[in-house]
Amino acid sequence: MEDEAEEVQRVLDAIDAIAAGQPPAVRARRLTEMLNSVQERVRRERQQAVREMHDGGMTYRQIAKELDISFGRVRQILAEDTDPPASE
């Protein structure tokens, strides 16, 4: 648990460093970029973990119970497209 707390603190420190001393527009832009990157990475990692659970033999309902989410949310996670949209 201590390692997890340290990891969280490093992320919070990185956020503080991005925001430090920057004009509001620059801060907002940089923080938005960071947020988008983090959200995408977390989504992919979560999907991979759920896929591993399913590939390992767990049913959608078992996964839902284990993660304390709905059966429908498990389906959504596994159905998400992992490839970024193609640019035109």
C-alpha atoms as a PDB file:
ATOM      1  CA  MET A   1       0.000   0.000   0.000  1.00  0.00           C
ATOM      2  CA  GLU A   2       2.867   2.342   0.746  1.00  0.00           C
ATOM      3  CA  ASP A   3       4.232   1.942  -2.788  1.00  0.00           C
ATOM      4  CA  GLU A   4       0.811   2.849  -4.207  1.00  0.00           C
ATOM      5  CA  ALA A   5       0.659   5.973  -2.045  1.00  0.00           C
ATOM      6  CA  GLU A   6       4.115   6.968  -3.286  1.00  0.00           C
ATOM      7  CA  GLU A   7       3.037   6.425  -6.905  1.00  0.00           C
ATOM      8  CA  VAL A   8      -0.031   8.593  -6.406  1.00  0.00           C
ATOM      9  CA  GLN A   9       2.111  11.288  -4.799  1.00  0.00           C
ATOM     10  CA  ARG A  10       4.506  11.260  -7.784  1.00  0.00           C
ATOM     11  CA  VAL A  11       1.568  11.800 -10.131  1.00  0.00           C
ATOM     12  CA  LEU A  12       0.269  14.659  -7.988  1.00  0.00           C
ATOM     13  CA  ASP A  13       3.752  16.187  -7.895  1.00  0.00           C
ATOM     14  CA  ALA A  14       3.918  15.983 -11.714  1.00  0.00           C
ATOM     15  CA  ILE A  15       0.586  17.792 -11.947  1.00  0.00           C
ATOM     16  CA  ASP A  16       1.869  20.503  -9.608  1.00  0.00           C
ATOM     17  CA  ALA A  17       5.050  20.862 -11.676  1.00  0.00           C
ATOM     18  CA  ILE A  18       3.071  21.297 -14.897  1.00  0.00           C
ATOM     19  CA  ALA A  19       0.933  24.008 -13.351  1.00  0.00           C
ATOM     20  CA  ALA A  20       3.652  25.874 -11.472  1.00  0.00           C
ATOM     21  CA  GLY A  21       4.286  29.411 -12.631  1.00  0.00           C
ATOM     22  CA  GLN A  22       2.433  29.139 -15.920  1.00  0.00           C
ATOM     23  CA  PRO A  23      -0.176  31.590 -17.187  1.00  0.00           C
ATOM     24  CA  PRO A  24      -3.717  30.215 -16.871  1.00  0.00           C
ATOM     25  CA  ALA A  25      -4.139  29.455 -20.598  1.00  0.00           C
ATOM     26  CA  VAL A  26      -0.863  27.524 -20.743  1.00  0.00           C
ATOM     27  CA  ARG A  27      -1.723  25.649 -17.527  1.00  0.00           C
ATOM     28  CA  ALA A  28      -5.159  24.748 -18.814  1.00  0.00           C
ATOM     29  CA  ARG A  29      -3.796  23.528 -22.148  1.00  0.00           C
ATOM     30  CA  ARG A  30      -1.015  21.442 -20.580  1.00  0.00           C
ATOM     31  CA  LEU A  31      -3.322  19.967 -17.946  1.00  0.00           C
ATOM     32  CA  THR A  32      -5.907  19.090 -20.607  1.00  0.00           C
ATOM     33  CA  GLU A  33      -3.235  17.276 -22.614  1.00  0.00           C
ATOM     34  CA  MET A  34      -2.132  15.404 -19.513  1.00  0.00           C
ATOM     35  CA  LEU A  35      -5.708  14.489 -18.598  1.00  0.00           C
ATOM     36  CA  ASN A  36      -6.423  13.151 -22.071  1.00  0.00           C
ATOM     37  CA  SER A  37      -3.259  11.047 -22.060  1.00  0.00           C
ATOM     38  CA  VAL A  38      -3.906   9.646 -18.609  1.00  0.00           C
ATOM     39  CA  GLN A  39      -7.549   8.826 -19.347  1.00  0.00           C
ATOM     40  CA  GLU A  40      -6.638   6.946 -22.515  1.00  0.00           C
ATOM     41  CA  ARG A  41      -3.849   5.005 -20.826  1.00  0.00           C
ATOM     42  CA  VAL A  42      -5.999   4.055 -17.838  1.00  0.00           C
ATOM     43  CA  ARG A  43      -8.842   2.985 -20.144  1.00  0.00           C
ATOM     44  CA  ARG A  44      -6.526   0.709 -22.165  1.00  0.00           C
ATOM     45  CA  GLU A  45      -4.924  -0.797 -19.069  1.00  0.00           C
ATOM     46  CA  ARG A  46      -8.315  -1.453 -17.464  1.00  0.00           C
ATOM     47  CA  GLN A  47      -9.624  -3.048 -20.632  1.00  0.00           C
ATOM     48  CA  GLN A  48      -6.581  -5.311 -20.848  1.00  0.00           C
ATOM     49  CA  ALA A  49      -6.983  -6.391 -17.220  1.00  0.00           C
ATOM     50  CA  VAL A  50     -10.688  -7.145 -17.711  1.00  0.00           C
ATOM     51  CA  ARG A  51      -9.922  -9.011 -20.932  1.00  0.00           C
ATOM     52  CA  GLU A  52      -7.330 -11.113 -19.071  1.00  0.00           C
ATOM     53  CA  MET A  53      -9.932 -11.952 -16.437  1.00  0.00           C
ATOM     54  CA  HIS A  54     -12.379 -13.026 -19.136  1.00  0.00           C
ATOM     55  CA  ASP A  55      -9.746 -14.941 -21.110  1.00  0.00           C
ATOM     56  CA  GLY A  56      -8.820 -16.657 -17.857  1.00  0.00           C
ATOM     57  CA  GLY A  57     -12.298 -18.140 -17.649  1.00  0.00           C
ATOM     58  CA  MET A  58     -14.308 -15.624 -15.651  1.00  0.00           C
ATOM     59  CA  THR A  59     -17.800 -14.813 -16.855  1.00  0.00           C
ATOM     60  CA  TYR A  60     -18.994 -11.240 -17.316  1.00  0.00           C
ATOM     61  CA  ARG A  61     -21.074 -11.618 -14.150  1.00  0.00           C
ATOM     62  CA  GLN A  62     -18.098 -12.904 -12.139  1.00  0.00           C
ATOM     63  CA  ILE A  63     -15.966 -10.008 -13.366  1.00  0.00           C
ATOM     64  CA  ALA A  64     -18.723  -7.539 -12.506  1.00  0.00           C
ATOM     65  CA  LYS A  65     -18.981  -8.916  -8.985  1.00  0.00           C
ATOM     66  CA  GLU A  66     -15.191  -8.939  -8.509  1.00  0.00           C
ATOM     67  CA  LEU A  67     -14.841  -5.328  -9.680  1.00  0.00           C
ATOM     68  CA  ASP A  68     -18.098  -4.105  -8.107  1.00  0.00           C
ATOM     69  CA  ILE A  69     -19.411  -2.838 -11.439  1.00  0.00           C
ATOM     70  CA  SER A  70     -22.449  -3.808 -13.482  1.00  0.00           C
ATOM     71  CA  PHE A  71     -22.619  -6.653 -15.966  1.00  0.00           C
ATOM     72  CA  GLY A  72     -23.387  -4.046 -18.650  1.00  0.00           C
ATOM     73  CA  ARG A  73     -20.270  -2.050 -17.759  1.00  0.00           C
ATOM     74  CA  VAL A  74     -18.121  -5.178 -18.166  1.00  0.00           C
ATOM     75  CA  ARG A  75     -19.636  -5.632 -21.632  1.00  0.00           C
ATOM     76  CA  GLN A  76     -18.902  -1.986 -22.475  1.00  0.00           C
ATOM     77  CA  ILE A  77     -15.300  -2.239 -21.315  1.00  0.00           C
ATOM     78  CA  LEU A  78     -14.667  -5.356 -23.378  1.00  0.00           C
ATOM     79  CA  ALA A  79     -16.411  -3.866 -26.419  1.00  0.00           C
ATOM     80  CA  GLU A  80     -14.403  -0.613 -26.397  1.00  0.00           C
ATOM     81  CA  ASP A  81     -12.231  -0.057 -29.424  1.00  0.00           C
ATOM     82  CA  THR A  82      -8.604  -0.167 -28.341  1.00  0.00           C
ATOM     83  CA  ASP A  83      -7.305   1.375 -31.559  1.00  0.00           C
ATOM     84  CA  PRO A  84      -7.197   5.168 -31.763  1.00  0.00           C
ATOM     85  CA  PRO A  85      -9.421   6.690 -34.455  1.00  0.00           C
ATOM     86  CA  ALA A  86      -7.769   7.050 -37.853  1.00  0.00           C
ATOM     87  CA  SER A  87      -7.087  10.615 -38.886  1.00  0.00           C
ATOM     88  CA  GLU A  88      -8.562  11.805 -42.120  1.00  0.00           C
END
